[in-house]
C-alpha atoms as a PDB file:
ATOM      1  CA  UNK A   1     113.536  84.161 117.707  1.00  0.00           C
ATOM      2  CA  UNK A   2     114.523  84.847 114.091  1.00  0.00           C
ATOM      3  CA  UNK A   3     114.586  88.119 112.279  1.00  0.00           C
ATOM      4  CA  UNK A   4     111.587  89.137 110.226  1.00  0.00           C
ATOM      5  CA  UNK A   5     110.953  91.622 107.480  1.00  0.00           C
ATOM      6  CA  UNK A   6     107.780  93.691 107.376  1.00  0.00           C
ATOM      7  CA  UNK A   7     106.443  95.737 104.506  1.00  0.00           C
ATOM      8  CA  UNK A   8     104.332  98.822 103.956  1.00  0.00           C
ATOM      9  CA  UNK A   9     103.039  98.718 100.394  1.00  0.00           C
ATOM     10  CA  UNK A  10     100.738 100.287  97.849  1.00  0.00           C
ATOM     11  CA  UNK A  11      98.688  98.249  95.399  1.00  0.00           C
ATOM     12  CA  UNK A  12      96.932  99.841  92.431  1.00  0.00           C
ATOM     13  CA  UNK A  13      94.535  99.101  89.620  1.00  0.00           C
ATOM     14  CA  UNK A  14      95.093 100.020  85.981  1.00  0.00           C
ATOM     15  CA  UNK A  15      92.915 103.087  86.611  1.00  0.00           C
ATOM     16  CA  UNK A  16      95.155 103.984  89.595  1.00  0.00           C
ATOM     17  CA  UNK A  17      92.795 103.205  92.466  1.00  0.00           C
ATOM     18  CA  UNK A  18      95.201 102.952  95.431  1.00  0.00           C
ATOM     19  CA  UNK A  19      95.264 100.570  98.393  1.00  0.00           C
ATOM     20  CA  UNK A  20      97.837 100.893 101.187  1.00  0.00           C
ATOM     21  CA  UNK A  21      98.619  97.980 103.472  1.00  0.00           C
ATOM     22  CA  UNK A  22     101.145  96.297 105.730  1.00  0.00           C
ATOM     23  CA  UNK A  23     102.285  92.659 105.837  1.00  0.00           C
ATOM     24  CA  UNK A  24     105.034  90.367 107.078  1.00  0.00           C
ATOM     25  CA  UNK A  25     104.942  88.389 103.795  1.00  0.00           C
ATOM     26  CA  UNK A  26     104.843  90.613 100.716  1.00  0.00           C
ATOM     27  CA  UNK A  27     104.595  87.686  98.297  1.00  0.00           C
ATOM     28  CA  UNK A  28     101.567  86.249 100.107  1.00  0.00           C
ATOM     29  CA  UNK A  29      99.950  89.653 100.514  1.00  0.00           C
ATOM     30  CA  UNK A  30     100.292  90.475  96.820  1.00  0.00           C
ATOM     31  CA  UNK A  31      99.006  87.033  95.854  1.00  0.00           C
ATOM     32  CA  UNK A  32      95.927  87.544  98.045  1.00  0.00           C
ATOM     33  CA  UNK A  33      95.235  90.873  96.333  1.00  0.00           C
ATOM     34  CA  UNK A  34      95.644  89.299  92.899  1.00  0.00           C
ATOM     35  CA  UNK A  35      93.177  86.543  93.841  1.00  0.00           C
ATOM     36  CA  UNK A  36      90.679  89.218  94.955  1.00  0.00           C
ATOM     37  CA  UNK A  37      88.592  87.948  97.835  1.00  0.00           C
ATOM     38  CA  UNK A  38      84.854  88.258  97.029  1.00  0.00           C
ATOM     39  CA  UNK A  39      83.351  91.408  98.512  1.00  0.00           C
ATOM     40  CA  UNK A  40      86.747  92.973  99.183  1.00  0.00           C
ATOM     41  CA  UNK A  41      87.978  96.412  98.146  1.00  0.00           C
ATOM     42  CA  UNK A  42      90.601  94.637  96.037  1.00  0.00           C
ATOM     43  CA  UNK A  43      87.970  92.675  94.137  1.00  0.00           C
ATOM     44  CA  UNK A  44      85.605  95.618  93.701  1.00  0.00           C
ATOM     45  CA  UNK A  45      88.264  97.956  92.269  1.00  0.00           C
ATOM     46  CA  UNK A  46      90.546  95.372  90.581  1.00  0.00           C
ATOM     47  CA  UNK A  47      93.527  96.402  92.737  1.00  0.00           C
ATOM     48  CA  UNK A  48      96.073  93.801  91.655  1.00  0.00           C
ATOM     49  CA  UNK A  49      99.333  95.588  90.851  1.00  0.00           C
ATOM     50  CA  UNK A  50     102.151  96.182  93.348  1.00  0.00           C
ATOM     51  CA  UNK A  51     103.209  99.787  92.737  1.00  0.00           C
ATOM     52  CA  UNK A  52     105.356 100.543  95.809  1.00  0.00           C
ATOM     53  CA  UNK A  53     106.792  98.958  98.928  1.00  0.00           C
ATOM     54  CA  UNK A  54     109.223  99.605 101.762  1.00  0.00           C
ATOM     55  CA  UNK A  55     110.928  97.054 104.022  1.00  0.00           C
ATOM     56  CA  UNK A  56     111.247  97.315 107.804  1.00  0.00           C
ATOM     57  CA  UNK A  57     112.863  95.234 110.516  1.00  0.00           C
ATOM     58  CA  UNK A  58     110.166  95.968 113.100  1.00  0.00           C
ATOM     59  CA  UNK A  59     106.398  95.620 112.719  1.00  0.00           C
ATOM     60  CA  UNK A  60     105.830  98.856 114.636  1.00  0.00           C
ATOM     61  CA  UNK A  61     107.887 100.744 112.026  1.00  0.00           C
ATOM     62  CA  UNK A  62     105.937  99.184 109.147  1.00  0.00           C
ATOM     63  CA  UNK A  63     102.588 100.015 110.758  1.00  0.00           C
ATOM     64  CA  UNK A  64     103.683 103.587 111.480  1.00  0.00           C
ATOM     65  CA  UNK A  65     104.753 104.012 107.855  1.00  0.00           C
ATOM     66  CA  UNK A  66     101.481 102.528 106.574  1.00  0.00           C
ATOM     67  CA  UNK A  67      99.549 105.028 108.702  1.00  0.00           C
ATOM     68  CA  UNK A  68     101.706 107.895 107.435  1.00  0.00           C
ATOM     69  CA  UNK A  69     101.134 106.854 103.806  1.00  0.00           C
ATOM     70  CA  UNK A  70      97.374 106.531 104.400  1.00  0.00           C
ATOM     71  CA  UNK A  71      97.313 110.119 105.738  1.00  0.00           C
ATOM     72  CA  UNK A  72      99.036 111.433 102.592  1.00  0.00           C
ATOM     73  CA  UNK A  73      97.061 113.171  99.910  1.00  0.00           C
ATOM     74  CA  UNK A  74      96.500 111.277  96.677  1.00  0.00           C
ATOM     75  CA  UNK A  75      99.152 113.500  95.073  1.00  0.00           C
ATOM     76  CA  UNK A  76     101.621 112.608  97.814  1.00  0.00           C
ATOM     77  CA  UNK A  77     100.991 108.902  97.285  1.00  0.00           C
ATOM     78  CA  UNK A  78     101.470 109.305  93.540  1.00  0.00           C
ATOM     79  CA  UNK A  79     104.780 111.138  94.085  1.00  0.00           C
ATOM     80  CA  UNK A  80     105.864 108.379  96.485  1.00  0.00           C
ATOM     81  CA  UNK A  81     105.051 105.670  93.937  1.00  0.00           C
ATOM     82  CA  UNK A  82     106.780 107.554  91.132  1.00  0.00           C
ATOM     83  CA  UNK A  83     109.922 108.014  93.256  1.00  0.00           C
ATOM     84  CA  UNK A  84     110.407 104.216  93.140  1.00  0.00           C
ATOM     85  CA  UNK A  85     108.348 103.228  90.129  1.00  0.00           C
ATOM     86  CA  UNK A  86     107.958 106.111  87.635  1.00  0.00           C
ATOM     87  CA  UNK A  87     106.250 103.972  84.981  1.00  0.00           C
ATOM     88  CA  UNK A  88     103.797 102.363  87.444  1.00  0.00           C
ATOM     89  CA  UNK A  89     104.970  98.858  86.547  1.00  0.00           C
ATOM     90  CA  UNK A  90     103.594  95.910  88.510  1.00  0.00           C
ATOM     91  CA  UNK A  91     106.644  95.260  90.711  1.00  0.00           C
ATOM     92  CA  UNK A  92     105.398  91.713  91.297  1.00  0.00           C
ATOM     93  CA  UNK A  93     104.799  90.899  87.600  1.00  0.00           C
ATOM     94  CA  UNK A  94     107.663  88.414  87.337  1.00  0.00           C
ATOM     95  CA  UNK A  95     107.128  86.724  90.732  1.00  0.00           C
ATOM     96  CA  UNK A  96     106.186  83.054  90.571  1.00  0.00           C
END
């Protein structure tokens, strides 16, 4: 069995609506958000920008971190994003 990387991440809209998730394929996950499935939170709030992510070697760690981020206040999430990405750039902007 090979090694895998898992991610806890935060997506945002231009108006800073936040979505926290977990995935084993950050590129695919971001692409799915950018495509905005009809009827989804992502589509409704235009959540298409990758603002923050962390990598983990174990899925249980990534899920635990996602849950911890989801329990944070909005201010805590904003501080977390700004610790990595102070200008709120789309971290996936130059991905193919």
